[in-house]
């Protein structure tokens, strides 16, 4: 099973810490941010499977942030607020929120809502890029997702097959996260590849064409992309 990655956007540090501790105990990977800028940076830096977004964030407007995120990608969003009037809930739904929960709430209820949103929307953690308009940089390498071009540290382009490129995108979407062969095969829309050594052979070819140190074998799990990845528009 893939580890769900949650992003909490909450400017109350005590509330954020409490939520993070509880959700981590339930098996989620949790990142906390407290502002629009930090939330957008976290979304650009790594895969996020669901966002808990507070409506009131100091100078930032959670509803506006929800609209901004929804215009760019379809990551599930649950709005969290002390304001529970119908028109306030509708404001969240109208900009694309998947659910709305009012403070104070029972953590077990929140957990049920999180699981329901992930299940109902059929948005199990995506191991592929949600957006294909970024340039990724990693260990002096460069991948232009718009052109499917890989550039080595010396500046020359490296020719990858379509399958090798798809595998690279999976790793770039999940840097430093151990991935099982089954998860990789599912991300490639080829679950049969998890059988036998198909994934191992594909990883081997990608290693040969890039840098063997980039992809590390995780005993008992699968593989991990062992480099930080940054994204930009150029």
Protein backbone atom coordinates (compact mmCIF):
# COMPACT_ATOMS: atom_id res chain seq x y z
CA UNK A 1 0.00 0.00 0.00
CA UNK A 2 1.24 3.48 -0.83
CA UNK A 3 1.76 5.96 1.98
CA UNK A 4 -0.72 8.82 1.69
CA UNK A 5 0.94 12.23 1.89
CA UNK A 6 -1.14 14.95 3.58
CA UNK A 7 -0.49 18.68 3.58
CA UNK A 8 -1.88 20.68 6.53
CA UNK A 9 -2.24 24.42 5.89
CA UNK A 10 -2.92 25.88 9.33
CA UNK A 11 -1.47 28.99 11.02
CA UNK A 12 -2.33 27.80 14.54
CA UNK A 13 0.90 25.98 15.41
CA UNK A 14 -0.64 24.05 18.32
CA UNK A 15 -3.57 22.85 16.18
CA UNK A 16 -1.25 21.89 13.32
CA UNK A 17 1.04 19.92 15.64
CA UNK A 18 -1.91 18.09 17.20
CA UNK A 19 -3.37 17.15 13.81
CA UNK A 20 0.01 16.09 12.45
CA UNK A 21 0.75 13.86 15.44
CA UNK A 22 -2.66 12.19 15.27
CA UNK A 23 -2.58 11.61 11.50
CA UNK A 24 0.98 10.31 11.60
CA UNK A 25 -0.15 7.72 14.14
CA UNK A 26 -2.81 6.68 11.62
CA UNK A 27 -0.14 5.96 9.02
CA UNK A 28 -0.08 9.19 7.01
CA UNK A 29 2.98 11.18 5.98
CA UNK A 30 2.22 14.75 7.09
CA UNK A 31 3.70 18.12 6.14
CA UNK A 32 2.58 21.31 7.91
CA UNK A 33 2.60 24.81 6.42
CA UNK A 34 1.09 28.04 7.70
CA UNK A 35 0.67 30.29 4.66
CA UNK A 36 -0.25 30.40 0.98
CA UNK A 37 3.37 30.73 -0.12
CA UNK A 38 4.54 27.82 2.01
CA UNK A 39 1.64 25.63 0.87
CA UNK A 40 2.32 26.27 -2.82
CA UNK A 41 6.02 25.58 -2.28
CA UNK A 42 5.21 22.27 -0.59
CA UNK A 43 2.93 21.31 -3.48
CA UNK A 44 5.71 22.03 -5.95
CA UNK A 45 8.33 20.18 -3.95
CA UNK A 46 6.65 16.78 -3.52
CA UNK A 47 3.58 14.68 -4.16
CA UNK A 48 0.56 15.61 -2.05
CA UNK A 49 -2.47 13.33 -1.91
CA UNK A 50 -4.83 15.48 0.17
CA UNK A 51 -4.81 18.98 1.66
CA UNK A 52 -6.38 20.07 4.96
CA UNK A 53 -6.81 23.78 4.36
CA UNK A 54 -7.86 26.22 7.08
CA UNK A 55 -10.16 28.98 5.84
CA UNK A 56 -8.62 31.72 8.01
CA UNK A 57 -4.86 32.08 7.62
CA UNK A 58 -3.99 35.53 8.88
CA UNK A 59 -3.52 37.70 5.82
CA UNK A 60 -4.24 34.78 3.48
CA UNK A 61 -7.70 33.62 2.41
CA UNK A 62 -8.16 29.86 2.44
CA UNK A 63 -11.00 29.99 -0.07
CA UNK A 64 -8.82 31.93 -2.52
CA UNK A 65 -5.97 29.47 -1.97
CA UNK A 66 -8.33 26.58 -2.68
CA UNK A 67 -9.39 28.21 -5.96
CA UNK A 68 -5.76 28.80 -6.93
CA UNK A 69 -4.75 25.21 -6.23
CA UNK A 70 -7.81 23.78 -7.96
CA UNK A 71 -7.03 25.77 -11.12
CA UNK A 72 -3.68 24.02 -11.33
CA UNK A 73 -4.35 20.45 -10.17
CA UNK A 74 -6.94 18.06 -8.80
CA UNK A 75 -5.47 17.17 -5.42
CA UNK A 76 -8.34 16.59 -2.94
CA UNK A 77 -8.95 19.48 -0.54
CA UNK A 78 -10.84 19.46 2.76
CA UNK A 79 -11.57 22.94 4.11
CA UNK A 80 -11.30 23.37 7.90
CA UNK A 81 -12.91 26.32 9.63
CA UNK A 82 -14.53 27.62 12.80
CA UNK A 83 -17.13 29.15 10.47
CA UNK A 84 -19.87 26.66 9.70
CA UNK A 85 -22.75 28.67 8.21
CA UNK A 86 -24.17 27.26 4.98
CA UNK A 87 -23.00 30.18 2.85
CA UNK A 88 -19.45 29.76 4.19
CA UNK A 89 -19.49 26.07 3.34
CA UNK A 90 -20.84 26.85 -0.13
CA UNK A 91 -17.99 29.29 -0.73
CA UNK A 92 -15.55 26.42 -0.26
CA UNK A 93 -17.50 23.99 -2.42
CA UNK A 94 -17.91 26.56 -5.19
CA UNK A 95 -14.14 26.91 -5.61
CA UNK A 96 -13.59 23.16 -5.72
CA UNK A 97 -13.23 21.92 -2.15
CA UNK A 98 -14.07 18.22 -1.77
CA UNK A 99 -15.35 18.48 1.80
CA UNK A 100 -15.73 20.95 4.67
CA UNK A 101 -15.39 20.28 8.40
CA UNK A 102 -16.10 22.77 11.18
CA UNK A 103 -13.98 23.33 14.27
CA UNK A 104 -14.02 21.98 16.88
CA UNK A 105 -14.19 18.44 15.54
CA UNK A 106 -13.55 14.90 16.70
CA UNK A 107 -10.21 13.71 15.21
CA UNK A 108 -11.80 10.36 14.43
CA UNK A 109 -14.48 12.14 12.38
CA UNK A 110 -11.78 14.02 10.48
CA UNK A 111 -9.96 10.75 9.82
CA UNK A 112 -13.15 9.21 8.44
CA UNK A 113 -13.72 12.24 6.19
CA UNK A 114 -10.15 12.08 4.89
CA UNK A 115 -10.47 8.40 4.04
CA UNK A 116 -13.89 8.96 2.47
CA UNK A 117 -12.65 11.78 0.24
CA UNK A 118 -9.69 9.72 -0.97
CA UNK A 119 -11.91 6.72 -1.60
CA UNK A 120 -14.91 8.56 -3.10
CA UNK A 121 -12.88 10.64 -5.51
CA UNK A 122 -10.91 7.61 -6.71
CA UNK A 123 -7.79 9.66 -6.17
CA UNK A 124 -5.53 7.11 -4.56
CA UNK A 125 -2.02 8.54 -4.27
CA UNK A 126 -0.78 9.39 -7.71
CA UNK A 127 2.83 8.40 -8.28
CA UNK A 128 2.99 10.39 -11.49
CA UNK A 129 3.23 14.14 -12.04
CA UNK A 130 -0.12 15.88 -11.86
CA UNK A 131 1.29 18.65 -14.01
CA UNK A 132 3.44 18.29 -17.09
CA UNK A 133 4.61 21.89 -17.43
CA UNK A 134 7.60 21.94 -15.09
CA UNK A 135 11.35 21.70 -15.39
CA UNK A 136 12.84 19.39 -12.78
CA UNK A 137 16.43 19.62 -11.54
CA UNK A 138 18.16 16.89 -9.57
CA UNK A 139 21.86 16.29 -8.82
CA UNK A 140 22.90 18.65 -11.68
CA UNK A 141 20.56 16.85 -14.09
CA UNK A 142 17.58 18.51 -15.77
CA UNK A 143 14.29 17.10 -17.03
CA UNK A 144 11.95 19.26 -19.12
CA UNK A 145 8.51 17.67 -18.75
CA UNK A 146 7.08 19.73 -21.61
CA UNK A 147 9.55 18.30 -24.11
CA UNK A 148 10.40 15.01 -22.37
CA UNK A 149 14.07 16.03 -22.58
CA UNK A 150 16.70 14.84 -20.13
CA UNK A 151 19.94 16.81 -19.88
CA UNK A 152 23.04 15.43 -18.16
CA UNK A 153 25.34 17.55 -15.94
CA UNK A 154 27.70 18.10 -18.90
CA UNK A 155 24.90 19.68 -20.94
CA UNK A 156 24.25 16.87 -23.42
CA UNK A 157 20.84 15.31 -23.92
CA UNK A 158 20.24 11.71 -22.92
CA UNK A 159 17.88 9.67 -25.09
CA UNK A 160 15.36 7.67 -23.07
CA UNK A 161 12.64 5.35 -24.31
CA UNK A 162 9.03 6.24 -23.50
CA UNK A 163 9.00 3.62 -20.72
CA UNK A 164 12.25 4.89 -19.23
CA UNK A 165 10.92 8.46 -19.33
CA UNK A 166 7.70 7.39 -17.63
CA UNK A 167 9.73 5.67 -14.91
CA UNK A 168 11.85 8.78 -14.43
CA UNK A 169 8.68 10.86 -13.97
CA UNK A 170 7.49 8.46 -11.28
CA UNK A 171 10.75 8.87 -9.38
CA UNK A 172 10.79 12.66 -9.83
CA UNK A 173 7.30 12.86 -8.36
CA UNK A 174 8.44 10.89 -5.31
CA UNK A 175 12.00 11.86 -4.39
CA UNK A 176 13.45 10.18 -1.29
CA UNK A 177 10.33 7.99 -0.89
CA UNK A 178 10.82 4.20 -1.05
CA UNK A 179 8.53 2.75 -3.71
CA UNK A 180 7.60 -0.90 -4.09
CA UNK A 181 7.69 -2.62 -7.48
CA UNK A 182 3.91 -2.88 -7.30
CA UNK A 183 3.54 0.89 -6.78
CA UNK A 184 5.88 1.62 -9.66
CA UNK A 185 4.04 -0.79 -11.95
CA UNK A 186 0.69 0.77 -11.00
CA UNK A 187 2.03 4.26 -11.71
CA UNK A 188 3.15 3.05 -15.13
CA UNK A 189 -0.34 1.62 -15.75
CA UNK A 190 1.26 -1.79 -16.15
CA UNK A 191 0.51 -3.87 -13.07
CA UNK A 192 1.71 -7.00 -14.87
CA UNK A 193 5.17 -5.47 -14.83
CA UNK A 194 5.28 -6.09 -11.08
CA UNK A 195 5.53 -9.79 -11.82
CA UNK A 196 8.97 -11.23 -12.43
CA UNK A 197 11.87 -8.85 -13.02
CA UNK A 198 10.29 -6.38 -15.48
CA UNK A 199 10.57 -3.40 -13.13
CA UNK A 200 14.10 -4.38 -12.09
CA UNK A 201 15.18 -4.50 -15.74
CA UNK A 202 13.56 -1.13 -16.49
CA UNK A 203 15.25 0.45 -13.46
CA UNK A 204 18.54 -1.07 -14.61
CA UNK A 205 18.24 0.53 -18.04
CA UNK A 206 17.40 3.93 -16.53
CA UNK A 207 20.40 3.67 -14.21
CA UNK A 208 22.71 2.89 -17.12
CA UNK A 209 21.52 5.94 -19.07
CA UNK A 210 21.57 8.40 -16.17
CA UNK A 211 23.51 7.93 -12.93
CA UNK A 212 23.57 4.69 -10.98
CA UNK A 213 23.71 6.67 -7.71
CA UNK A 214 20.38 8.35 -8.41
CA UNK A 215 18.27 5.23 -7.86
CA UNK A 216 19.02 3.24 -4.74
CA UNK A 217 17.77 -0.27 -4.05
CA UNK A 218 15.77 -0.57 -0.82
CA UNK A 219 16.00 -4.13 0.47
CA UNK A 220 12.60 -5.63 1.13
CA UNK A 221 10.81 -2.68 -0.48
CA UNK A 222 11.92 -1.70 -3.96
CA UNK A 223 13.65 1.49 -5.01
CA UNK A 224 14.14 5.08 -3.87
CA UNK A 225 15.15 8.12 -5.91
CA UNK A 226 18.06 9.35 -3.81
CA UNK A 227 18.21 13.02 -4.85
CA UNK A 228 16.31 16.16 -3.97
CA UNK A 229 14.15 17.46 -6.82
CA UNK A 230 13.32 21.11 -7.46
CA UNK A 231 10.79 22.37 -9.98
CA UNK A 232 10.47 25.60 -11.89
CA UNK A 233 8.83 26.93 -15.05
CA UNK A 234 12.16 27.40 -16.87
